Amino acid sequence: MPTSSRPPLRVVVLISGSGSNLQALIDGANSGELPIEIAAVISNRPDVFGLTRAKDAGIVTQVLDHKGFASRETFDAALMQTIDHYQPDLVVLAGFMRILTPEFTRHYLGRMLNIHPSLLPKFQGLHTHQRALDAGESHHGVTVHFVTAELDGGPAAIQARVPVLPGDDATQLAKRVQRQEHIIYPLAIKWFAQGHLVMHEGKALLNGELLPASGYQIEANEP
């Protein structure tokens, strides 16, 4: 089937904060560059700016506050039910600050993507920019990967590398990385929507070819 005749990919986006990557997806969908329909935006925190971005774009929003649940398992079960109501083809984690249960990740295996601000497998977890500076790295960056039960450990789809410049602090480095986030996340989702990017037997494939462990590489040399 030609790419142009594919229906838009139904996407549910999960957020916990300002939603800058969500905005990149909204902009791509509105321009026609990104062949997706954002069916809903779900936040585990009320009153975050990402919800405002979604509402301004006319997208359905829901808040499912994790503080109202007795355990991670009960929250994830309710979140699965909420997501599945929208019947998404893809679940996109865009700054969703929750560690997910194995049952949740199994349920969406191969159809859930995350973006992480480091060149995985380096600097899994939090505070990646300061950790990269403290380690004396010459390059830092961002990874889009499929989500598995291993935290920040699923197969990588794409990475963008940026230079660490003399005098950088964590804020400056974060801004440089974030510019690349807004490029490569829509690109990875576009590949998925077009059927080019898939997860098969625990590996990421692009156009039927096995990607390297670090995913497709983009070198961003901008200051």
Foldseek 3Di string as FASTA:
>chain_A
DDLVPFQAFEEEEEAAAQCPLVLLVLVCVVVVNFRHDDAEYEYLDPPHNNVVSCVVSVHHYYYNHPVVDPDLVVSLVVVVVVVCVSVGQAYEYDHHPDQHAQVNLVVCFWRYKYKDFWQPPPDFDPPRLQVCVVVVHQKTEMWMATDHNDRVQAATAEIEIEGDDPPDDSVNVVVVRVVVSSVVVSVSSRQVRSVQWTADPRFIGGNNHTAPRSHHYHYDYDD
